[in-house]
Protein backbone atom coordinates (compact mmCIF):
# COMPACT_ATOMS: atom_id res chain seq x y z
CA MET A 1 99.66 186.91 340.57
CA LYS A 2 96.74 185.15 338.84
CA LEU A 3 96.99 183.65 335.39
CA ASN A 4 94.80 185.59 332.92
CA LYS A 5 95.10 187.69 329.75
CA LYS A 6 95.52 190.95 331.64
CA ASN A 7 98.51 189.63 333.58
CA MET A 8 100.20 187.94 330.63
CA GLU A 9 102.36 191.00 329.85
CA THR A 10 103.71 191.26 333.38
CA LEU A 11 103.85 187.53 334.06
CA SER A 12 107.41 186.59 334.82
CA SER A 13 108.49 182.97 334.96
CA PRO A 14 111.68 181.54 333.48
CA LYS A 15 109.86 178.22 332.97
CA ILE A 16 107.07 179.63 330.76
CA GLU A 17 107.05 181.03 327.24
CA LYS A 18 104.95 184.16 326.73
CA ILE A 19 101.70 183.85 324.73
CA HIS A 20 101.61 185.91 321.54
CA PRO A 21 98.48 188.15 321.57
CA GLU A 22 97.63 186.97 318.05
CA LEU A 23 96.60 183.59 319.49
CA PHE A 24 93.69 185.25 321.32
CA ARG A 25 92.31 186.56 318.01
CA LEU A 26 92.09 183.21 316.25
CA PRO A 27 88.56 182.14 315.16
CA GLU A 28 86.60 179.42 316.90
CA LYS A 29 86.85 176.13 315.02
CA VAL A 30 86.08 173.48 317.65
CA ILE A 31 83.18 172.84 320.01
CA GLN A 32 84.09 170.57 322.91
CA PHE A 33 81.77 168.88 325.39
CA GLY A 34 83.69 168.53 328.64
CA THR A 35 86.10 170.59 330.74
CA GLY A 36 87.96 167.60 332.17
CA LYS A 37 91.66 166.99 332.58
CA LEU A 38 91.96 164.38 329.83
CA LEU A 39 90.61 166.70 327.12
CA ARG A 40 92.71 169.63 328.30
CA GLY A 41 95.79 167.42 328.61
CA LEU A 42 95.60 165.76 325.19
CA PRO A 43 93.36 167.08 322.35
CA ASP A 44 93.50 170.68 323.59
CA ASP A 45 97.28 170.40 323.95
CA TYR A 46 97.60 169.24 320.33
CA ILE A 47 95.43 172.14 319.12
CA ASP A 48 97.36 174.67 321.21
CA GLN A 49 100.69 173.43 319.85
CA ALA A 50 99.40 173.53 316.26
CA ASN A 51 98.21 177.12 316.76
CA LYS A 52 101.59 178.14 318.09
CA LYS A 53 103.24 176.57 315.03
CA GLY A 54 100.85 178.46 312.79
CA PHE A 55 99.00 175.69 310.94
CA PHE A 56 95.61 175.08 312.59
CA LYS A 57 94.72 178.63 313.61
CA GLY A 58 91.56 177.87 315.54
CA ARG A 59 90.32 177.93 319.13
CA ILE A 60 87.92 175.84 321.19
CA VAL A 61 84.51 176.66 322.65
CA ILE A 62 83.93 174.37 325.63
CA VAL A 63 80.46 173.32 326.75
CA LYS A 64 80.03 172.33 330.37
CA SER A 65 77.05 169.98 330.69
CA THR A 66 77.25 168.87 334.32
CA LYS A 67 75.57 170.83 337.10
CA THR A 68 78.38 170.24 339.59
CA GLY A 69 81.15 172.81 339.85
CA GLY A 70 81.12 176.28 338.38
CA LEU A 71 82.84 178.08 335.56
CA ASP A 72 84.12 181.03 337.58
CA ILE A 73 87.73 179.83 337.55
CA PHE A 74 87.71 179.38 333.76
CA HIS A 75 86.20 182.85 333.33
CA GLN A 76 88.64 184.47 335.78
CA GLN A 77 91.58 182.92 333.94
CA ASP A 78 90.15 183.64 330.45
CA GLY A 79 90.37 179.92 329.69
CA LEU A 80 94.15 179.92 330.17
CA TYR A 81 95.76 177.10 332.11
CA THR A 82 99.21 175.65 332.71
CA LEU A 83 100.14 172.25 331.37
CA GLY A 84 103.05 170.69 333.22
CA ILE A 85 104.68 167.75 331.43
CA LYS A 86 106.70 165.70 333.89
CA GLY A 87 108.01 162.18 333.82
CA ILE A 88 110.65 159.69 332.77
CA THR A 89 111.75 159.26 329.16
CA HIS A 90 114.52 157.17 327.62
CA GLN A 91 116.72 160.25 327.98
CA GLY A 92 115.98 160.62 331.71
CA ILE A 93 113.83 162.98 333.78
CA TYR A 94 111.68 165.33 331.66
CA GLU A 95 110.03 168.51 332.97
CA LYS A 96 108.42 171.29 330.94
CA TYR A 97 105.62 173.83 331.43
CA ARG A 98 103.53 175.77 328.96
CA ILE A 99 100.42 177.94 329.05
CA ASN A 100 97.58 176.59 326.92
CA ALA A 101 95.73 179.34 325.04
CA SER A 102 93.46 177.12 322.92
CA ILE A 103 90.20 177.82 324.82
CA SER A 104 88.28 180.91 323.68
CA ARG A 105 85.41 180.56 326.17
CA VAL A 106 83.53 178.10 328.35
CA MET A 107 79.73 177.97 328.20
CA ASP A 108 77.13 176.43 330.49
CA ALA A 109 74.67 174.12 328.73
CA HIS A 110 72.03 174.74 331.41
CA THR A 111 71.98 178.54 331.12
CA GLU A 112 73.36 179.21 327.61
CA TRP A 113 71.91 176.45 325.47
CA GLN A 114 70.35 178.73 322.85
CA GLN A 115 73.69 180.55 322.40
CA ILE A 116 75.41 177.15 322.08
CA LEU A 117 72.94 176.11 319.37
CA LYS A 118 73.75 179.36 317.57
CA LEU A 119 77.33 178.07 317.20
CA ALA A 120 75.98 175.27 314.98
CA GLU A 121 75.21 177.93 312.37
CA ASP A 122 78.89 178.93 312.14
CA PRO A 123 80.51 177.15 309.16
CA ALA A 124 83.97 177.70 310.70
CA ILE A 125 83.19 175.34 313.59
CA GLN A 126 83.69 171.98 311.91
CA ILE A 127 85.03 169.82 314.76
CA MET A 128 83.25 168.45 317.82
CA LEU A 129 85.20 166.75 320.63
CA SER A 130 83.83 165.09 323.74
CA ASN A 131 84.67 163.24 326.90
CA THR A 132 81.51 162.70 328.91
CA THR A 133 82.76 159.46 330.58
CA GLU A 134 81.67 155.99 329.51
CA ALA A 135 78.18 156.68 330.95
CA GLY A 136 77.75 159.68 328.63
CA ILE A 137 77.12 157.86 325.37
CA VAL A 138 73.83 156.20 326.26
CA GLU A 139 70.37 156.53 324.75
CA GLU A 140 67.77 158.07 327.02
CA ASP A 141 64.14 159.05 326.58
CA ASP A 142 65.25 162.54 325.68
CA ASP A 143 63.58 165.60 324.18
CA ILE A 144 66.12 167.14 321.82
CA PHE A 145 64.07 170.35 321.67
CA SER A 146 64.34 170.97 325.40
CA SER A 147 66.80 173.58 326.63
CA PRO A 148 69.08 171.73 326.99
CA PRO A 149 68.40 168.06 326.16
CA THR A 150 69.22 165.79 329.10
CA SER A 151 71.74 163.45 327.49
CA PHE A 152 74.93 164.12 325.59
CA PRO A 153 73.65 162.33 322.43
CA GLY A 154 70.48 164.44 322.74
CA LYS A 155 72.60 167.60 322.73
CA VAL A 156 74.55 166.36 319.70
CA ALA A 157 71.31 165.58 317.84
CA ALA A 158 69.92 169.05 318.61
CA TYR A 159 73.19 170.74 317.57
CA LEU A 160 73.36 168.83 314.29
CA TYR A 161 69.71 169.50 313.49
CA ARG A 162 70.31 173.25 313.90
CA ARG A 163 73.37 172.99 311.61
CA TYR A 164 71.34 171.04 309.05
CA GLN A 165 68.60 173.69 309.10
CA HIS A 166 71.03 176.53 308.40
CA LEU A 167 73.89 174.99 306.40
CA SER A 168 72.67 171.79 304.79
CA ASP A 169 72.99 173.05 301.22
CA THR A 170 76.52 174.36 301.65
CA GLU A 171 79.89 172.68 301.42
CA GLU A 172 80.82 174.22 304.78
CA SER A 173 78.20 172.15 306.62
CA HIS A 174 80.68 169.26 306.89
CA MET A 175 81.26 168.28 310.53
CA VAL A 176 83.80 165.96 312.15
CA ILE A 177 82.80 164.43 315.50
CA ILE A 178 85.48 162.71 317.60
CA PRO A 179 84.38 161.24 320.94
CA THR A 180 87.21 160.26 323.31
CA GLU A 181 85.08 158.27 325.76
CA LEU A 182 86.68 154.95 326.69
CA ILE A 183 84.14 152.65 325.07
CA ASP A 184 84.51 150.43 322.03
CA ASN A 185 83.57 152.11 318.74
CA ASN A 186 82.63 155.28 320.61
CA ALA A 187 81.76 157.34 317.51
CA GLU A 188 79.70 154.60 315.85
CA LYS A 189 77.68 154.16 319.04
CA LEU A 190 77.11 157.92 319.31
CA LYS A 191 75.97 158.10 315.68
CA GLN A 192 73.51 155.22 316.17
CA ILE A 193 71.93 156.99 319.15
CA VAL A 194 71.72 160.32 317.30
CA LEU A 195 69.96 158.60 314.35
CA SER A 196 67.64 156.78 316.77
CA LEU A 197 66.70 160.07 318.45
CA SER A 198 66.10 161.60 315.03
CA ALA A 199 63.68 158.80 314.16
CA LYS A 200 61.87 159.08 317.52
CA HIS A 201 61.38 162.81 316.91
CA THR A 202 60.19 162.13 313.34
CA LEU A 203 62.76 164.51 311.90
CA PRO A 204 62.82 164.60 308.07
CA PRO A 205 64.62 161.76 306.25
CA SER A 206 66.75 164.40 304.54
CA PHE A 207 68.33 165.11 307.95
CA THR A 208 69.49 161.49 308.16
CA ASP A 209 70.78 161.72 304.60
CA TRP A 210 72.69 164.90 305.49
CA ILE A 211 74.26 163.21 308.54
CA ASN A 212 75.36 160.21 306.49
CA LYS A 213 76.85 162.46 303.81
CA ASN A 214 78.28 165.42 305.74
CA VAL A 215 78.92 164.35 309.34
CA ASP A 216 81.94 162.13 309.89
CA PHE A 217 81.77 160.28 313.23
CA CYS A 218 85.35 159.11 313.90
CA ASN A 219 86.12 156.40 316.46
CA SER A 220 89.11 157.39 318.54
CA LEU A 221 91.43 156.18 321.27
CA VAL A 222 93.20 158.52 323.70
CA ASP A 223 96.12 157.57 325.90
CA ARG A 224 97.72 159.96 328.36
CA ILE A 225 97.70 160.03 332.16
CA VAL A 226 96.64 163.48 333.40
CA THR A 227 96.34 164.63 337.02
CA ASP A 228 95.57 167.88 338.83
CA GLY A 229 98.41 170.39 339.03
CA ASP A 230 99.55 172.47 341.97
CA PRO A 231 97.73 175.84 341.93
CA HIS A 232 100.59 177.45 343.86
CA SER A 233 103.55 175.76 342.19
CA SER A 234 107.02 177.14 341.64
CA ILE A 235 106.16 178.59 338.21
CA GLY A 236 105.60 182.06 339.67
CA TYR A 237 101.82 182.64 339.55
CA THR A 238 98.50 181.18 340.71
CA ASP A 239 96.66 178.79 338.38
CA ARG A 240 93.68 176.96 339.89
CA ILE A 241 93.01 174.79 336.83
CA SER A 242 96.58 173.71 336.11
CA ILE A 243 97.20 170.08 335.18
CA ILE A 244 100.16 167.71 335.16
CA THR A 245 100.62 165.10 332.47
CA GLU A 246 103.21 162.57 331.38
CA PRO A 247 105.46 163.01 328.33
CA PHE A 248 103.82 160.04 326.57
CA LYS A 249 100.78 160.85 324.43
CA LEU A 250 98.75 159.04 321.79
CA TRP A 251 95.58 159.90 319.92
CA ALA A 252 94.45 157.33 317.36
CA ILE A 253 91.60 158.54 315.13
CA GLU A 254 89.73 156.37 312.63
CA VAL A 255 89.64 158.49 309.45
CA LYS A 256 88.51 157.29 306.03
CA ASN A 257 87.53 160.64 304.53
CA LYS A 258 90.06 162.94 302.82
CA LYS A 259 88.08 166.07 303.69
CA THR A 260 88.17 165.03 307.36
CA GLN A 261 91.95 164.77 307.19
CA GLU A 262 92.09 168.33 305.86
CA ILE A 263 89.83 169.63 308.63
CA LEU A 264 91.97 167.94 311.30
CA SER A 265 95.01 169.96 310.26
CA PHE A 266 96.23 170.16 313.88
CA ALA A 267 97.49 166.60 313.34
CA LYS A 268 100.03 167.86 310.77
CA GLU A 269 103.62 166.94 311.69
CA GLU A 270 102.44 165.26 314.91
CA GLU A 271 103.67 161.66 315.05
CA SER A 272 101.65 160.76 318.16
CA ILE A 273 98.36 161.45 316.34
CA LYS A 274 97.56 158.41 314.23
CA MET A 275 94.91 158.97 311.54
CA LEU A 276 94.15 155.53 310.12
CA PRO A 277 91.33 153.65 308.37
CA SER A 278 91.26 151.30 311.38
CA ILE A 279 92.52 151.82 314.95
CA GLU A 280 91.81 148.27 316.15
CA SER A 281 95.48 147.37 316.69
CA TYR A 282 96.06 150.49 318.83
CA LYS A 283 92.97 149.71 320.87
CA GLU A 284 94.17 146.16 321.51
CA ILE A 285 97.72 147.23 322.41
CA LYS A 286 96.52 149.83 324.92
CA LEU A 287 93.81 147.61 326.41
CA ARG A 288 96.14 144.68 327.06
CA LEU A 289 99.55 146.26 327.71
CA LEU A 290 98.45 149.31 329.70
CA ASN A 291 94.97 148.62 331.08
CA ALA A 292 95.28 144.85 331.68
CA THR A 293 98.71 145.32 333.27
CA HIS A 294 97.27 147.96 335.61
CA THR A 295 94.50 145.53 336.53
CA LEU A 296 96.86 142.58 337.11
CA LEU A 297 99.22 144.65 339.29
CA CYS A 298 96.37 146.21 341.26
CA GLY A 299 95.52 143.29 343.55
CA ILE A 300 99.19 142.49 344.19
CA SER A 301 99.98 146.12 345.03
CA LEU A 302 97.01 146.53 347.36
CA LEU A 303 97.94 143.31 349.17
CA LYS A 304 101.43 144.84 349.53
CA ARG A 305 99.69 147.90 351.03
CA ASP A 306 101.04 150.21 348.32
CA CYS A 307 99.03 153.37 347.67
CA TYR A 308 100.38 154.60 344.33
CA VAL A 309 101.51 153.03 341.06
CA ARG A 310 104.90 154.77 341.20
CA GLU A 311 105.39 153.36 344.71
CA SER A 312 104.89 149.79 343.50
CA LEU A 313 107.22 150.15 340.52
CA ALA A 314 109.93 151.56 342.80
CA ASP A 315 110.14 147.99 344.18
CA PRO A 316 112.74 146.22 341.95
CA VAL A 317 111.06 142.85 342.58
CA LEU A 318 107.72 144.10 341.27
CA GLU A 319 109.41 145.94 338.40
CA LYS A 320 111.00 142.65 337.28
CA PHE A 321 107.61 140.95 337.59
CA THR A 322 106.01 143.69 335.45
CA GLU A 323 108.67 143.29 332.76
CA LYS A 324 108.00 139.55 332.63
CA LEU A 325 104.22 140.07 332.61
CA LEU A 326 104.44 142.48 329.69
CA LYS A 327 107.11 140.91 327.50
CA LYS A 328 106.82 137.18 328.22
CA GLU A 329 103.08 136.75 328.69
CA ILE A 330 100.95 139.63 327.35
CA CYS A 331 103.07 140.47 324.27
CA PRO A 332 103.08 136.84 323.03
CA CYS A 333 99.27 136.83 323.29
CA LEU A 334 99.12 139.96 321.16
CA TRP A 335 101.53 138.52 318.58
CA LYS A 336 99.43 135.37 318.31
CA ASN A 337 96.43 137.65 317.79
CA GLY A 338 98.02 139.41 314.81
CA ILE A 339 99.51 142.48 316.52
CA ASN A 340 102.86 143.72 315.18
CA LYS A 341 105.70 142.43 317.37
CA GLU A 342 107.82 145.60 317.29
CA ALA A 343 104.83 147.86 318.05
CA ALA A 344 103.82 145.76 321.06
CA LEU A 345 107.35 145.61 322.48
CA ALA A 346 107.89 149.35 321.99
CA PHE A 347 104.64 150.12 323.82
CA SER A 348 105.54 147.73 326.67
CA GLU A 349 108.82 149.63 327.15
CA GLU A 350 106.85 152.86 327.48
CA VAL A 351 104.46 151.31 330.01
CA VAL A 352 107.20 150.58 332.56
CA ASN A 353 108.49 154.17 332.42
CA ARG A 354 104.96 155.55 332.64
CA PHE A 355 104.17 153.46 335.72
CA LYS A 356 107.40 154.64 337.37
CA ASN A 357 106.63 158.33 336.81
CA PRO A 358 107.42 159.96 340.20
CA TYR A 359 105.27 163.03 339.48
CA LEU A 360 101.88 161.34 339.06
CA GLN A 361 99.74 160.45 342.08
CA HIS A 362 97.93 157.50 340.47
CA GLU A 363 96.12 155.62 343.25
CA TRP A 364 95.58 151.86 343.15
CA THR A 365 92.12 152.25 344.73
CA SER A 366 91.13 154.32 341.66
CA ILE A 367 92.39 151.57 339.36
CA ALA A 368 90.41 149.02 341.43
CA LEU A 369 87.15 150.73 340.41
CA ASN A 370 84.89 148.03 338.89
CA PHE A 371 87.70 145.49 339.44
CA THR A 372 85.62 142.43 338.53
CA ALA A 373 84.46 143.84 335.19
CA LYS A 374 88.05 144.81 334.37
CA ILE A 375 89.25 141.25 335.03
CA ARG A 376 86.55 139.99 332.66
CA HIS A 377 87.11 142.42 329.79
CA ARG A 378 90.82 143.21 330.03
CA VAL A 379 92.45 140.06 331.41
CA LEU A 380 90.50 136.86 330.78
CA PRO A 381 90.59 137.23 326.96
CA LEU A 382 94.39 136.98 327.31
CA LEU A 383 93.96 133.59 329.01
CA LYS A 384 91.91 132.32 326.07
CA ILE A 385 94.63 133.32 323.60
CA TRP A 386 97.38 131.88 325.83
CA PHE A 387 95.79 128.45 326.22
CA ALA A 388 95.05 128.27 322.50
CA HIS A 389 98.83 128.29 321.89
CA TYR A 390 100.62 127.22 325.10
CA SER A 391 100.19 124.21 327.38
CA THR A 392 101.55 125.59 330.69
CA PRO A 393 99.73 128.35 332.61
CA PRO A 394 101.08 131.94 332.54
CA LEU A 395 102.35 132.45 336.09
CA ALA A 396 102.43 136.27 336.17
CA ILE A 397 98.91 136.63 334.80
CA SER A 398 97.74 133.92 337.21
CA LEU A 399 99.26 135.62 340.28
CA GLY A 400 97.57 138.87 339.29
CA ILE A 401 94.18 137.15 339.01
CA ALA A 402 94.74 135.22 342.26
CA SER A 403 95.59 138.46 344.07
CA PHE A 404 92.33 139.98 342.82
CA LEU A 405 90.45 136.96 344.14
CA VAL A 406 92.10 137.13 347.58
CA LEU A 407 91.47 140.88 347.79
CA MET A 408 87.77 140.13 347.24
CA ASP A 409 87.62 138.11 350.46
CA ALA A 410 86.02 141.28 351.75
CA GLU A 411 82.84 142.96 352.92
CA ASN A 412 80.32 144.81 350.80
CA GLN A 413 79.48 148.02 352.65
CA GLU A 414 77.18 150.71 351.24
CA ASP A 415 77.95 149.76 347.62
CA GLN A 416 81.69 149.70 348.31
CA ILE A 417 84.09 146.80 348.72
CA MET A 418 85.88 147.11 352.06
CA ARG A 419 88.97 145.12 352.97
CA ILE A 420 91.34 145.40 355.93
CA ILE A 421 94.98 144.53 355.17
CA GLN A 422 97.40 144.78 358.10
CA ASN A 423 95.25 147.43 359.80
CA ARG A 424 94.88 149.45 356.59
CA LYS A 425 91.33 149.97 355.35
CA ILE A 426 90.94 149.71 351.56
CA CYS A 427 87.70 150.76 349.88
CA PHE A 428 86.67 150.81 346.21
CA THR A 429 83.49 150.54 344.17
CA ASP A 430 82.86 147.31 342.25
CA GLN A 431 79.35 146.69 340.96
CA LYS A 432 80.00 143.01 340.16
CA GLY A 433 82.14 142.43 343.25
CA LYS A 434 79.24 141.25 345.41
CA ALA A 435 79.00 138.03 343.42
CA VAL A 436 82.71 137.27 343.97
CA ILE A 437 82.38 138.02 347.68
CA ALA A 438 79.41 135.63 347.85
CA HIS A 439 81.60 132.78 346.54
CA TRP A 440 83.95 133.30 349.50
CA LYS A 441 81.03 132.59 351.86
CA LYS A 442 80.56 129.10 350.44
CA ASN A 443 82.58 125.92 350.90
CA GLU A 444 85.57 124.87 348.80
CA PRO A 445 86.58 124.51 346.02
CA LEU A 446 86.66 128.29 345.63
CA VAL A 447 88.67 128.86 342.45
CA SER A 448 86.86 126.40 340.17
CA ARG A 449 83.49 127.63 341.47
CA VAL A 450 84.32 131.30 340.86
CA PHE A 451 85.72 130.83 337.37
CA SER A 452 82.95 128.51 336.23
CA ASP A 453 80.41 131.24 337.11
CA THR A 454 79.26 132.23 333.62
CA SER A 455 77.13 135.07 335.02
CA LEU A 456 80.38 136.77 336.05
CA TRP A 457 82.65 136.00 333.10
CA GLY A 458 80.33 135.18 330.20
CA GLU A 459 81.78 131.68 329.89
CA ASN A 460 83.37 128.89 331.93
CA PHE A 461 87.07 129.53 332.62
CA ALA A 462 87.50 126.61 335.00
CA GLN A 463 87.99 123.91 332.37
CA ASN A 464 91.80 124.06 332.27
CA LYS A 465 92.61 121.88 335.29
CA GLU A 466 96.32 122.76 335.38
CA TRP A 467 95.50 126.48 335.54
CA ILE A 468 92.97 125.89 338.31
CA GLU A 469 95.64 124.02 340.31
CA VAL A 470 98.11 126.91 339.88
CA MET A 471 95.42 129.38 340.93
CA GLU A 472 94.41 127.30 343.96
CA SER A 473 98.05 127.17 345.06
CA PHE A 474 98.51 130.94 344.70
CA VAL A 475 95.24 131.69 346.53
CA LYS A 476 96.08 129.33 349.38
CA ARG A 477 99.57 130.77 349.82
CA LEU A 478 98.29 134.34 349.66
CA LYS A 479 95.62 133.53 352.25
CA ASN A 480 98.28 131.96 354.47
CA LYS A 481 100.18 135.26 354.24
CA GLU A 482 103.21 133.71 352.63
CA ASP A 483 105.85 136.32 351.83
CA LEU A 484 104.44 138.18 348.83
CA HIS A 485 107.87 138.96 347.42
CA THR A 486 108.60 135.22 347.29
CA LEU A 487 105.46 134.62 345.24
CA ILE A 488 106.25 137.55 342.94
CA LEU A 489 109.76 136.25 342.34
CA GLU A 490 108.39 132.77 341.63
CA ALA A 491 105.93 134.15 339.08
CA SER A 492 108.69 136.27 337.49
CA LYS A 493 110.80 133.27 336.40
């Protein structure tokens, strides 16, 4: 049996609660750019839960902007999909399923743009969400009057201009825009591009005034691992757009406007949605404790020939190393940088359980994407903080960086990094990786040459001689294929 409205009455699964028909009659209050797993697994989940509790009472119109993939599955399932929540909590294994009924319809920007613009005239639609990847919020030479504009900011500018034309003199014209793209100050950057496009199209100054007064661009941070579900799982029906996510969830939204807080009523009674004047501390905690830890474990795990994150954390030696990395090296850097001690420690506890989640197929080769840039932006700032306060090098961080460097003793093939480790071929994309590979082709000393390359790192990181000696030792021993567990244990002390 397929999941759709028609089959809801006869759908029989002990794991799933029935959807009340009243949910399908709720008005549209949100326009969302993106059909991806992250949006459906976090913001759309919050909205669905609020609807079921009776205090948001609004559904989502999704706009699909990419040309790849169709919308047939969404149409066939009436926007319904199963969200499986599976993982490890402090209470043990957690497993729960629910049908998400938050999506009213999915529209194609390339064939339905004029109908999408018509939505801008609806005063009830006051929220815009997006996840167009980091490459989505960029300024292009775009015509916002084309059907549709090429870029995402171009589409936003066109949508807002239509709203301004029809609703500018009304209180209901207020709009809240929350991008979830993983870039710093995502909403501020989007707003700057929209205003730039407005100026290039010589739109009236009153449009800019209206944006500044009535459109609240809110920076946000999302944190939840979401993967594809099993379309033919044990829940008793077929769902081709099902997703699996972890129990942990966090959505930090920068809100300074009281009216915006009222519009975002789905956040009511939801502790994991943080509406704050500043979300900088949450951004720093996630970037260092989750993202930097992923990056530092990645090289080690690939050299171990592990495929998945859960596989690596099943190794008690690497689990102990991860605990030390988080609590003895990264957390102290955050504390020295003004982050609350209890908040950092609590998040680090969550990270270990999240990495150990047996239900998520999180591949290390995916985490290795743009490895060099991740070392620069996620990891090396930790070194700067560490050496500003401590005299001896951080061994766990250093082994993670050394493992990255040894992994990059590789070949660049067709824009991919290719490395053979014990007959296993490992490939990943790394735009800056070519420069690291080039250093391996030169004579010694490797480590000091690599980390004094300011074109790679933005500054010279080879000035701490004791750290360079530790790194040279780790690199040499890794290259000599010394037992990796021995090195991990050494760095865990």
